[in-house]
Amino acid sequence: MVLSQVLFWFLAILSVGAALGVILSKNPIHSILWLIVVFFSISGHYVLMNAQFLAVVNIIVYAGAIMVLFLFVVMFMNLNSKTEPPKRIFLKMAGIISGLCIMLVLIAAFSDASIHYGRMRPNTDIGLVETLGNVLFTQYVIPFEISSVLFLSAMVGAIVIGKRDPIEEGNISMENDNAEFKI
């Protein structure tokens, strides 16, 4: 009992500290690495709650695939002050709407949550895939669908941010009505 509480507080402090590292880091690569630490500590919380499937999926999907994708996008974008896109009101509004969607999902998830004190029984069905699927597609189907739309909007946003106009950068020269690309 005492070991699980110590582990919980260690993981909680690690999660909050790494999340602050994500926010306060000026280097985007360092922010991504801090975010990986956050995902691993959250997976530790899942293990403490007897949800081993969620812990493994969190490590494989988020800390593995998504963070590698973010890292490649940041490296390909070559962010500096000269190539940074101008701030547009449309992008700010999209960020506000996305933040409100996340808040809606969190409110929906926490509204049905209850706090249970004491130890969990080791032979419960809480962390099993079948139980998770039943709860996810019955009680939490609306937040699940909202999060899928949120992920879709994040992908579209990444494409919009990463797209550059080749004419503005001077990579295209027009000769004899044929476009030739400079290398």
N, C-alpha and C. Protein backbone atom coordinates (compact mmCIF):
# COMPACT_ATOMS: atom_id res chain seq x y z
N MET A 1 0.83 -1.20 0.00
CA MET A 1 0.00 0.00 0.00
C MET A 1 0.87 1.26 0.00
N VAL A 2 1.88 1.28 0.83
CA VAL A 2 2.75 2.45 0.91
C VAL A 2 3.57 2.59 -0.36
N LEU A 3 4.04 1.47 -0.91
CA LEU A 3 4.83 1.52 -2.14
C LEU A 3 4.02 2.08 -3.30
N SER A 4 2.74 1.72 -3.41
CA SER A 4 1.92 2.25 -4.51
C SER A 4 1.66 3.74 -4.34
N GLN A 5 1.54 4.22 -3.10
CA GLN A 5 1.36 5.66 -2.90
C GLN A 5 2.63 6.43 -3.23
N VAL A 6 3.77 5.89 -2.85
CA VAL A 6 5.04 6.55 -3.18
C VAL A 6 5.23 6.58 -4.69
N LEU A 7 4.92 5.46 -5.34
CA LEU A 7 5.03 5.40 -6.80
C LEU A 7 4.07 6.39 -7.47
N PHE A 8 2.85 6.47 -6.94
CA PHE A 8 1.88 7.41 -7.49
C PHE A 8 2.41 8.84 -7.39
N TRP A 9 2.89 9.24 -6.23
CA TRP A 9 3.35 10.62 -6.06
C TRP A 9 4.61 10.90 -6.89
N PHE A 10 5.47 9.91 -7.01
CA PHE A 10 6.65 10.09 -7.87
C PHE A 10 6.23 10.31 -9.31
N LEU A 11 5.32 9.48 -9.81
CA LEU A 11 4.85 9.62 -11.19
C LEU A 11 4.06 10.92 -11.39
N ALA A 12 3.30 11.33 -10.39
CA ALA A 12 2.54 12.58 -10.50
C ALA A 12 3.48 13.78 -10.57
N ILE A 13 4.49 13.81 -9.72
CA ILE A 13 5.45 14.93 -9.75
C ILE A 13 6.24 14.90 -11.05
N LEU A 14 6.61 13.71 -11.51
CA LEU A 14 7.30 13.58 -12.79
C LEU A 14 6.43 14.07 -13.95
N SER A 15 5.15 13.73 -13.92
CA SER A 15 4.23 14.16 -14.99
C SER A 15 4.10 15.67 -15.03
N VAL A 16 3.88 16.27 -13.88
CA VAL A 16 3.71 17.74 -13.83
C VAL A 16 5.01 18.44 -14.20
N GLY A 17 6.14 17.95 -13.70
CA GLY A 17 7.42 18.57 -14.03
C GLY A 17 7.74 18.46 -15.51
N ALA A 18 7.49 17.30 -16.10
CA ALA A 18 7.75 17.13 -17.53
C ALA A 18 6.78 17.96 -18.36
N ALA A 19 5.53 18.08 -17.92
CA ALA A 19 4.57 18.93 -18.64
C ALA A 19 5.01 20.39 -18.60
N LEU A 20 5.55 20.83 -17.48
CA LEU A 20 6.10 22.18 -17.42
C LEU A 20 7.31 22.32 -18.34
N GLY A 21 8.10 21.25 -18.46
CA GLY A 21 9.22 21.27 -19.39
C GLY A 21 8.75 21.40 -20.83
N VAL A 22 7.62 20.77 -21.16
CA VAL A 22 7.07 20.91 -22.51
C VAL A 22 6.69 22.35 -22.78
N ILE A 23 6.05 22.97 -21.83
CA ILE A 23 5.55 24.33 -22.03
C ILE A 23 6.67 25.36 -22.00
N LEU A 24 7.62 25.21 -21.09
CA LEU A 24 8.63 26.23 -20.88
C LEU A 24 9.86 26.08 -21.78
N SER A 25 10.01 24.96 -22.45
CA SER A 25 11.18 24.76 -23.30
C SER A 25 11.07 25.60 -24.57
N LYS A 26 12.15 26.29 -24.90
CA LYS A 26 12.14 27.11 -26.10
C LYS A 26 12.50 26.31 -27.35
N ASN A 27 13.17 25.20 -27.17
CA ASN A 27 13.55 24.34 -28.29
C ASN A 27 12.44 23.32 -28.53
N PRO A 28 11.87 23.25 -29.75
CA PRO A 28 10.77 22.31 -29.99
C PRO A 28 11.18 20.84 -29.84
N ILE A 29 12.43 20.51 -30.12
CA ILE A 29 12.90 19.14 -29.95
C ILE A 29 12.88 18.76 -28.48
N HIS A 30 13.33 19.67 -27.62
CA HIS A 30 13.30 19.40 -26.18
C HIS A 30 11.87 19.27 -25.67
N SER A 31 10.96 20.07 -26.23
CA SER A 31 9.56 19.95 -25.83
C SER A 31 9.00 18.58 -26.17
N ILE A 32 9.36 18.06 -27.33
CA ILE A 32 8.88 16.73 -27.72
C ILE A 32 9.45 15.66 -26.80
N LEU A 33 10.72 15.80 -26.45
CA LEU A 33 11.32 14.82 -25.54
C LEU A 33 10.68 14.87 -24.16
N TRP A 34 10.35 16.07 -23.68
CA TRP A 34 9.63 16.19 -22.40
C TRP A 34 8.24 15.56 -22.50
N LEU A 35 7.61 15.71 -23.65
CA LEU A 35 6.29 15.11 -23.83
C LEU A 35 6.35 13.59 -23.80
N ILE A 36 7.42 13.02 -24.30
CA ILE A 36 7.61 11.57 -24.20
C ILE A 36 7.72 11.15 -22.74
N VAL A 37 8.41 11.93 -21.93
CA VAL A 37 8.50 11.63 -20.49
C VAL A 37 7.12 11.68 -19.85
N VAL A 38 6.30 12.66 -20.26
CA VAL A 38 4.93 12.75 -19.74
C VAL A 38 4.15 11.49 -20.10
N PHE A 39 4.26 11.04 -21.34
CA PHE A 39 3.52 9.84 -21.76
C PHE A 39 3.96 8.60 -20.98
N PHE A 40 5.26 8.46 -20.73
CA PHE A 40 5.72 7.31 -19.95
C PHE A 40 5.22 7.37 -18.51
N SER A 41 5.20 8.56 -17.92
CA SER A 41 4.71 8.65 -16.54
C SER A 41 3.21 8.40 -16.47
N ILE A 42 2.48 8.82 -17.48
CA ILE A 42 1.04 8.53 -17.50
C ILE A 42 0.82 7.03 -17.68
N SER A 43 1.66 6.38 -18.47
CA SER A 43 1.56 4.92 -18.58
C SER A 43 1.82 4.25 -17.24
N GLY A 44 2.71 4.81 -16.46
CA GLY A 44 2.93 4.28 -15.12
C GLY A 44 1.68 4.40 -14.26
N HIS A 45 0.94 5.50 -14.41
CA HIS A 45 -0.33 5.65 -13.69
C HIS A 45 -1.34 4.60 -14.14
N TYR A 46 -1.36 4.31 -15.44
CA TYR A 46 -2.26 3.27 -15.93
C TYR A 46 -1.94 1.91 -15.31
N VAL A 47 -0.66 1.60 -15.18
CA VAL A 47 -0.28 0.33 -14.56
C VAL A 47 -0.73 0.30 -13.10
N LEU A 48 -0.59 1.42 -12.41
CA LEU A 48 -1.05 1.48 -11.02
C LEU A 48 -2.56 1.28 -10.90
N MET A 49 -3.31 1.65 -11.93
CA MET A 49 -4.77 1.49 -11.91
C MET A 49 -5.21 0.14 -12.47
N ASN A 50 -4.27 -0.77 -12.72
CA ASN A 50 -4.55 -2.10 -13.23
C ASN A 50 -5.12 -2.05 -14.66
N ALA A 51 -4.65 -1.10 -15.43
CA ALA A 51 -5.06 -0.97 -16.84
C ALA A 51 -3.82 -1.15 -17.71
N GLN A 52 -3.31 -2.36 -17.73
CA GLN A 52 -2.07 -2.64 -18.44
C GLN A 52 -2.21 -2.44 -19.94
N PHE A 53 -3.37 -2.75 -20.48
CA PHE A 53 -3.59 -2.58 -21.92
C PHE A 53 -3.44 -1.10 -22.30
N LEU A 54 -4.06 -0.21 -21.53
CA LEU A 54 -3.94 1.21 -21.83
C LEU A 54 -2.51 1.71 -21.68
N ALA A 55 -1.79 1.16 -20.72
CA ALA A 55 -0.39 1.57 -20.54
C ALA A 55 0.45 1.19 -21.75
N VAL A 56 0.28 -0.02 -22.24
CA VAL A 56 1.06 -0.47 -23.39
C VAL A 56 0.65 0.29 -24.65
N VAL A 57 -0.64 0.50 -24.84
CA VAL A 57 -1.10 1.26 -26.02
C VAL A 57 -0.61 2.69 -25.96
N ASN A 58 -0.61 3.29 -24.77
CA ASN A 58 -0.11 4.65 -24.62
C ASN A 58 1.37 4.74 -24.99
N ILE A 59 2.15 3.77 -24.58
CA ILE A 59 3.58 3.80 -24.91
C ILE A 59 3.79 3.56 -26.40
N ILE A 60 3.11 2.57 -26.95
CA ILE A 60 3.32 2.24 -28.37
C ILE A 60 2.81 3.35 -29.28
N VAL A 61 1.57 3.78 -29.06
CA VAL A 61 0.96 4.74 -29.98
C VAL A 61 1.49 6.15 -29.76
N TYR A 62 1.42 6.64 -28.53
CA TYR A 62 1.78 8.04 -28.29
C TYR A 62 3.28 8.24 -28.17
N ALA A 63 3.92 7.56 -27.23
CA ALA A 63 5.35 7.77 -27.04
C ALA A 63 6.15 7.24 -28.22
N GLY A 64 5.61 6.28 -28.93
CA GLY A 64 6.33 5.74 -30.08
C GLY A 64 5.99 6.45 -31.37
N ALA A 65 4.83 6.15 -31.90
CA ALA A 65 4.48 6.61 -33.26
C ALA A 65 4.22 8.10 -33.35
N ILE A 66 3.37 8.63 -32.49
CA ILE A 66 2.98 10.04 -32.61
C ILE A 66 4.17 10.96 -32.32
N MET A 67 4.97 10.64 -31.32
CA MET A 67 6.11 11.51 -31.00
C MET A 67 7.17 11.46 -32.09
N VAL A 68 7.38 10.32 -32.70
CA VAL A 68 8.32 10.25 -33.83
C VAL A 68 7.79 11.09 -34.99
N LEU A 69 6.49 11.03 -35.22
CA LEU A 69 5.88 11.85 -36.27
C LEU A 69 6.05 13.34 -35.96
N PHE A 70 5.79 13.75 -34.72
CA PHE A 70 6.00 15.15 -34.33
C PHE A 70 7.46 15.56 -34.52
N LEU A 71 8.36 14.68 -34.14
CA LEU A 71 9.78 14.99 -34.26
C LEU A 71 10.17 15.20 -35.71
N PHE A 72 9.69 14.34 -36.61
CA PHE A 72 10.00 14.51 -38.03
C PHE A 72 9.38 15.78 -38.58
N VAL A 73 8.17 16.09 -38.18
CA VAL A 73 7.52 17.32 -38.67
C VAL A 73 8.30 18.54 -38.23
N VAL A 74 8.71 18.58 -36.97
CA VAL A 74 9.48 19.73 -36.47
C VAL A 74 10.81 19.82 -37.19
N MET A 75 11.47 18.70 -37.43
CA MET A 75 12.75 18.74 -38.12
C MET A 75 12.60 19.15 -39.58
N PHE A 76 11.54 18.72 -40.24
CA PHE A 76 11.34 19.09 -41.64
C PHE A 76 10.91 20.55 -41.80
N MET A 77 10.24 21.08 -40.80
CA MET A 77 9.76 22.46 -40.91
C MET A 77 10.90 23.46 -40.79
N ASN A 78 11.99 23.10 -40.15
CA ASN A 78 13.14 23.98 -39.98
C ASN A 78 12.69 25.34 -39.42
N LEU A 79 12.13 25.29 -38.23
CA LEU A 79 11.55 26.49 -37.64
C LEU A 79 12.63 27.49 -37.23
N ASN A 80 12.50 28.68 -37.74
CA ASN A 80 13.28 29.81 -37.26
C ASN A 80 12.45 31.06 -37.54
N SER A 81 12.96 32.20 -37.16
CA SER A 81 12.16 33.42 -37.27
C SER A 81 11.89 33.83 -38.72
N LYS A 82 12.75 33.44 -39.66
CA LYS A 82 12.56 33.85 -41.05
C LYS A 82 11.48 33.03 -41.75
N THR A 83 11.37 31.76 -41.41
CA THR A 83 10.41 30.90 -42.10
C THR A 83 9.14 30.68 -41.31
N GLU A 84 9.01 31.29 -40.14
CA GLU A 84 7.82 31.09 -39.33
C GLU A 84 6.63 31.76 -40.01
N PRO A 85 5.52 31.04 -40.11
CA PRO A 85 4.36 31.63 -40.79
C PRO A 85 3.76 32.77 -39.96
N PRO A 86 3.15 33.75 -40.63
CA PRO A 86 2.54 34.84 -39.87
C PRO A 86 1.33 34.35 -39.08
N LYS A 87 1.11 34.98 -37.95
CA LYS A 87 -0.03 34.60 -37.10
C LYS A 87 -1.31 35.17 -37.73
N ARG A 88 -2.25 34.29 -37.96
CA ARG A 88 -3.52 34.70 -38.56
C ARG A 88 -4.63 34.50 -37.55
N ILE A 89 -5.66 35.30 -37.67
CA ILE A 89 -6.80 35.23 -36.75
C ILE A 89 -7.53 33.90 -36.91
N PHE A 90 -7.53 33.34 -38.14
CA PHE A 90 -8.18 32.05 -38.38
C PHE A 90 -7.51 30.95 -37.58
N LEU A 91 -6.17 30.95 -37.56
CA LEU A 91 -5.45 29.92 -36.80
C LEU A 91 -5.66 30.08 -35.30
N LYS A 92 -5.75 31.33 -34.84
CA LYS A 92 -6.01 31.55 -33.41
C LYS A 92 -7.41 31.04 -33.04
N MET A 93 -8.37 31.30 -33.89
CA MET A 93 -9.73 30.82 -33.62
C MET A 93 -9.79 29.30 -33.66
N ALA A 94 -9.05 28.67 -34.59
CA ALA A 94 -9.01 27.22 -34.65
C ALA A 94 -8.39 26.65 -33.38
N GLY A 95 -7.37 27.31 -32.85
CA GLY A 95 -6.77 26.88 -31.60
C GLY A 95 -7.73 27.00 -30.42
N ILE A 96 -8.49 28.08 -30.39
CA ILE A 96 -9.47 28.26 -29.32
C ILE A 96 -10.57 27.21 -29.40
N ILE A 97 -11.05 26.94 -30.61
CA ILE A 97 -12.09 25.91 -30.78
C ILE A 97 -11.56 24.54 -30.39
N SER A 98 -10.32 24.22 -30.78
CA SER A 98 -9.72 22.93 -30.40
C SER A 98 -9.58 22.82 -28.89
N GLY A 99 -9.16 23.89 -28.24
CA GLY A 99 -9.04 23.90 -26.79
C GLY A 99 -10.39 23.70 -26.11
N LEU A 100 -11.42 24.32 -26.65
CA LEU A 100 -12.75 24.13 -26.08
C LEU A 100 -13.25 22.70 -26.28
N CYS A 101 -12.89 22.09 -27.41
CA CYS A 101 -13.27 20.68 -27.63
C CYS A 101 -12.57 19.76 -26.62
N ILE A 102 -11.30 20.02 -26.36
CA ILE A 102 -10.59 19.23 -25.35
C ILE A 102 -11.23 19.42 -23.98
N MET A 103 -11.60 20.66 -23.65
CA MET A 103 -12.26 20.91 -22.37
C MET A 103 -13.59 20.18 -22.29
N LEU A 104 -14.34 20.13 -23.39
CA LEU A 104 -15.61 19.42 -23.42
C LEU A 104 -15.41 17.92 -23.18
N VAL A 105 -14.39 17.35 -23.81
CA VAL A 105 -14.09 15.94 -23.61
C VAL A 105 -13.71 15.67 -22.15
N LEU A 106 -12.90 16.53 -21.57
CA LEU A 106 -12.51 16.35 -20.17
C LEU A 106 -13.69 16.49 -19.22
N ILE A 107 -14.56 17.44 -19.48
CA ILE A 107 -15.74 17.60 -18.62
C ILE A 107 -16.64 16.38 -18.72
N ALA A 108 -16.82 15.86 -19.93
CA ALA A 108 -17.65 14.65 -20.10
C ALA A 108 -17.03 13.46 -19.40
N ALA A 109 -15.71 13.35 -19.44
CA ALA A 109 -15.04 12.21 -18.80
C ALA A 109 -15.09 12.33 -17.28
N PHE A 110 -14.91 13.53 -16.77
CA PHE A 110 -14.88 13.71 -15.31
C PHE A 110 -16.27 13.76 -14.69
N SER A 111 -17.29 13.99 -15.48
CA SER A 111 -18.63 14.08 -14.90
C SER A 111 -19.11 12.73 -14.38
N ASP A 112 -18.69 11.65 -15.02
CA ASP A 112 -19.08 10.32 -14.57
C ASP A 112 -18.04 9.66 -13.68
N ALA A 113 -16.92 10.33 -13.48
CA ALA A 113 -15.85 9.73 -12.68
C ALA A 113 -16.19 9.84 -11.20
N SER A 114 -15.80 8.84 -10.48
CA SER A 114 -15.96 8.87 -9.03
C SER A 114 -14.64 8.45 -8.40
N ILE A 115 -14.40 8.95 -7.23
CA ILE A 115 -13.15 8.68 -6.54
C ILE A 115 -13.36 7.48 -5.63
N HIS A 116 -12.52 6.49 -5.80
CA HIS A 116 -12.58 5.30 -4.96
C HIS A 116 -11.32 5.25 -4.11
N TYR A 117 -11.49 5.20 -2.82
CA TYR A 117 -10.35 5.11 -1.93
C TYR A 117 -10.12 3.65 -1.58
N GLY A 118 -8.90 3.33 -1.31
CA GLY A 118 -8.57 1.96 -0.95
C GLY A 118 -7.92 1.25 -2.11
N ARG A 119 -7.55 0.00 -1.88
CA ARG A 119 -6.87 -0.78 -2.90
C ARG A 119 -7.86 -1.40 -3.86
N MET A 120 -7.40 -1.57 -5.09
CA MET A 120 -8.22 -2.25 -6.08
C MET A 120 -8.00 -3.75 -5.94
N ARG A 121 -9.00 -4.49 -6.20
CA ARG A 121 -8.87 -5.94 -6.15
C ARG A 121 -8.08 -6.40 -7.38
N PRO A 122 -7.11 -7.28 -7.20
CA PRO A 122 -6.26 -7.66 -8.34
C PRO A 122 -6.98 -8.51 -9.40
N ASN A 123 -8.10 -9.11 -9.08
CA ASN A 123 -8.78 -9.99 -10.04
C ASN A 123 -9.98 -9.32 -10.69
N THR A 124 -9.98 -8.00 -10.80
CA THR A 124 -11.09 -7.30 -11.43
C THR A 124 -10.91 -7.27 -12.95
N ASP A 125 -11.97 -6.94 -13.66
CA ASP A 125 -11.94 -6.87 -15.12
C ASP A 125 -11.73 -5.44 -15.62
N ILE A 126 -11.21 -4.57 -14.79
CA ILE A 126 -11.14 -3.15 -15.13
C ILE A 126 -10.22 -2.89 -16.32
N GLY A 127 -9.06 -3.50 -16.37
CA GLY A 127 -8.10 -3.21 -17.43
C GLY A 127 -8.21 -4.06 -18.66
N LEU A 128 -9.23 -4.88 -18.76
CA LEU A 128 -9.36 -5.78 -19.91
C LEU A 128 -9.89 -5.04 -21.14
N VAL A 129 -9.52 -5.55 -22.31
CA VAL A 129 -9.89 -4.90 -23.57
C VAL A 129 -11.40 -4.94 -23.79
N GLU A 130 -12.03 -6.05 -23.46
CA GLU A 130 -13.48 -6.17 -23.67
C GLU A 130 -14.25 -5.16 -22.82
N THR A 131 -13.87 -5.04 -21.56
CA THR A 131 -14.52 -4.08 -20.67
C THR A 131 -14.28 -2.65 -21.16
N LEU A 132 -13.06 -2.37 -21.58
CA LEU A 132 -12.73 -1.04 -22.09
C LEU A 132 -13.55 -0.71 -23.33
N GLY A 133 -13.68 -1.66 -24.26
CA GLY A 133 -14.46 -1.43 -25.47
C GLY A 133 -15.93 -1.20 -25.18
N ASN A 134 -16.50 -1.97 -24.25
CA ASN A 134 -17.91 -1.78 -23.89
C ASN A 134 -18.16 -0.40 -23.31
N VAL A 135 -17.29 0.04 -22.41
CA VAL A 135 -17.47 1.36 -21.78
C VAL A 135 -17.23 2.46 -22.80
N LEU A 136 -16.20 2.30 -23.64
CA LEU A 136 -15.84 3.34 -24.59
C LEU A 136 -16.93 3.57 -25.64
N PHE A 137 -17.56 2.50 -26.10
CA PHE A 137 -18.54 2.64 -27.16
C PHE A 137 -19.98 2.68 -26.66
N THR A 138 -20.20 2.70 -25.35
CA THR A 138 -21.55 2.88 -24.81
C THR A 138 -21.64 4.18 -24.04
N GLN A 139 -20.90 4.31 -22.96
CA GLN A 139 -21.00 5.51 -22.12
C GLN A 139 -20.26 6.70 -22.70
N TYR A 140 -19.11 6.48 -23.33
CA TYR A 140 -18.26 7.58 -23.76
C TYR A 140 -18.16 7.67 -25.28
N VAL A 141 -19.24 7.37 -26.00
CA VAL A 141 -19.17 7.39 -27.45
C VAL A 141 -19.07 8.82 -27.98
N ILE A 142 -19.73 9.79 -27.36
CA ILE A 142 -19.67 11.18 -27.84
C ILE A 142 -18.28 11.78 -27.61
N PRO A 143 -17.70 11.68 -26.41
CA PRO A 143 -16.32 12.19 -26.28
C PRO A 143 -15.33 11.46 -27.18
N PHE A 144 -15.55 10.17 -27.43
CA PHE A 144 -14.67 9.42 -28.33
C PHE A 144 -14.75 9.98 -29.74
N GLU A 145 -15.94 10.28 -30.21
CA GLU A 145 -16.09 10.85 -31.56
C GLU A 145 -15.56 12.27 -31.63
N ILE A 146 -15.75 13.05 -30.56
CA ILE A 146 -15.21 14.42 -30.55
C ILE A 146 -13.69 14.38 -30.61
N SER A 147 -13.09 13.45 -29.89
CA SER A 147 -11.63 13.36 -29.93
C SER A 147 -11.14 12.93 -31.32
N SER A 148 -11.90 12.10 -32.03
CA SER A 148 -11.47 11.73 -33.38
C SER A 148 -11.54 12.93 -34.32
N VAL A 149 -12.56 13.78 -34.17
CA VAL A 149 -12.63 15.00 -34.98
C VAL A 149 -11.49 15.94 -34.61
N LEU A 150 -11.14 15.97 -33.33
CA LEU A 150 -10.04 16.81 -32.88
C LEU A 150 -8.71 16.34 -33.47
N PHE A 151 -8.49 15.03 -33.54
CA PHE A 151 -7.28 14.50 -34.17
C PHE A 151 -7.27 14.82 -35.66
N LEU A 152 -8.41 14.75 -36.32
CA LEU A 152 -8.48 15.08 -37.74
C LEU A 152 -8.14 16.55 -37.96
N SER A 153 -8.67 17.43 -37.11
CA SER A 153 -8.36 18.85 -37.25
C SER A 153 -6.88 19.12 -36.97
N ALA A 154 -6.27 18.36 -36.06
CA ALA A 154 -4.84 18.53 -35.80
C ALA A 154 -4.02 18.11 -37.02
N MET A 155 -4.42 17.05 -37.70
CA MET A 155 -3.69 16.65 -38.90
C MET A 155 -3.83 17.69 -40.00
N VAL A 156 -5.04 18.22 -40.19
CA VAL A 156 -5.24 19.25 -41.20
C VAL A 156 -4.43 20.49 -40.84
N GLY A 157 -4.40 20.85 -39.57
CA GLY A 157 -3.61 22.00 -39.12
C GLY A 157 -2.12 21.81 -39.38
N ALA A 158 -1.62 20.60 -39.16
CA ALA A 158 -0.20 20.32 -39.42
C ALA A 158 0.11 20.46 -40.91
N ILE A 159 -0.81 20.03 -41.76
CA ILE A 159 -0.60 20.16 -43.20
C ILE A 159 -0.62 21.62 -43.61
N VAL A 160 -1.54 22.40 -43.05
CA VAL A 160 -1.64 23.83 -43.40
C VAL A 160 -0.39 24.58 -42.94
N ILE A 161 0.09 24.26 -41.74
CA ILE A 161 1.28 24.95 -41.23
C ILE A 161 2.51 24.55 -42.04
N GLY A 162 2.60 23.27 -42.40
CA GLY A 162 3.78 22.79 -43.13
C GLY A 162 3.80 23.16 -44.59
N LYS A 163 2.68 23.56 -45.15
CA LYS A 163 2.61 23.89 -46.57
C LYS A 163 3.21 25.27 -46.80
N ARG A 164 4.11 25.33 -47.78
CA ARG A 164 4.74 26.61 -48.11
C ARG A 164 4.48 26.92 -49.57
N ASP A 165 4.37 28.18 -49.88
CA ASP A 165 4.17 28.61 -51.26
C ASP A 165 5.52 28.72 -51.94
N PRO A 166 5.80 27.88 -52.96
CA PRO A 166 7.13 27.89 -53.57
C PRO A 166 7.44 29.18 -54.31
N ILE A 167 6.44 29.91 -54.77
CA ILE A 167 6.68 31.15 -55.50
C ILE A 167 7.19 32.22 -54.53
N GLU A 168 6.64 32.26 -53.32
CA GLU A 168 7.07 33.26 -52.34
C GLU A 168 8.50 33.01 -51.88
N GLU A 169 8.94 31.77 -51.83
CA GLU A 169 10.27 31.46 -51.36
C GLU A 169 11.33 31.63 -52.45
N GLY A 170 10.92 31.80 -53.70
CA GLY A 170 11.87 31.98 -54.78
C GLY A 170 12.45 30.68 -55.29
N ASN A 171 11.77 29.58 -55.10
CA ASN A 171 12.26 28.30 -55.56
C ASN A 171 11.86 27.99 -56.99
N ILE A 172 11.05 28.83 -57.60
CA ILE A 172 10.60 28.58 -58.96
C ILE A 172 11.01 29.76 -59.83
N SER A 173 11.61 29.46 -60.96
CA SER A 173 11.91 30.51 -61.92
C SER A 173 11.16 30.18 -63.20
N MET A 174 10.60 31.21 -63.80
CA MET A 174 9.81 31.01 -65.01
C MET A 174 10.68 31.33 -66.23
N GLU A 175 10.86 30.32 -67.09
CA GLU A 175 11.59 30.53 -68.34
C GLU A 175 10.81 29.84 -69.44
N ASN A 176 10.47 30.60 -70.47
CA ASN A 176 9.77 30.09 -71.64
C ASN A 176 8.47 29.36 -71.25
N ASP A 177 7.74 29.91 -70.31
CA ASP A 177 6.47 29.35 -69.83
C ASP A 177 6.60 27.95 -69.26
N ASN A 178 7.78 27.54 -68.95
CA ASN A 178 7.99 26.23 -68.28
C ASN A 178 8.56 26.50 -66.89
N ALA A 179 8.01 25.83 -65.92
CA ALA A 179 8.50 26.01 -64.55
C ALA A 179 9.70 25.09 -64.33
N GLU A 180 10.82 25.70 -63.93
CA GLU A 180 11.99 24.91 -63.60
C GLU A 180 12.28 25.11 -62.12
N PHE A 181 12.55 24.06 -61.44
CA PHE A 181 12.82 24.14 -60.01
C PHE A 181 14.32 24.25 -59.80
N LYS A 182 14.72 25.19 -58.96
CA LYS A 182 16.12 25.33 -58.59
C LYS A 182 16.43 24.33 -57.49
N ILE A 183 17.57 23.74 -57.58
CA ILE A 183 17.96 22.76 -56.56
C ILE A 183 19.15 23.29 -55.81
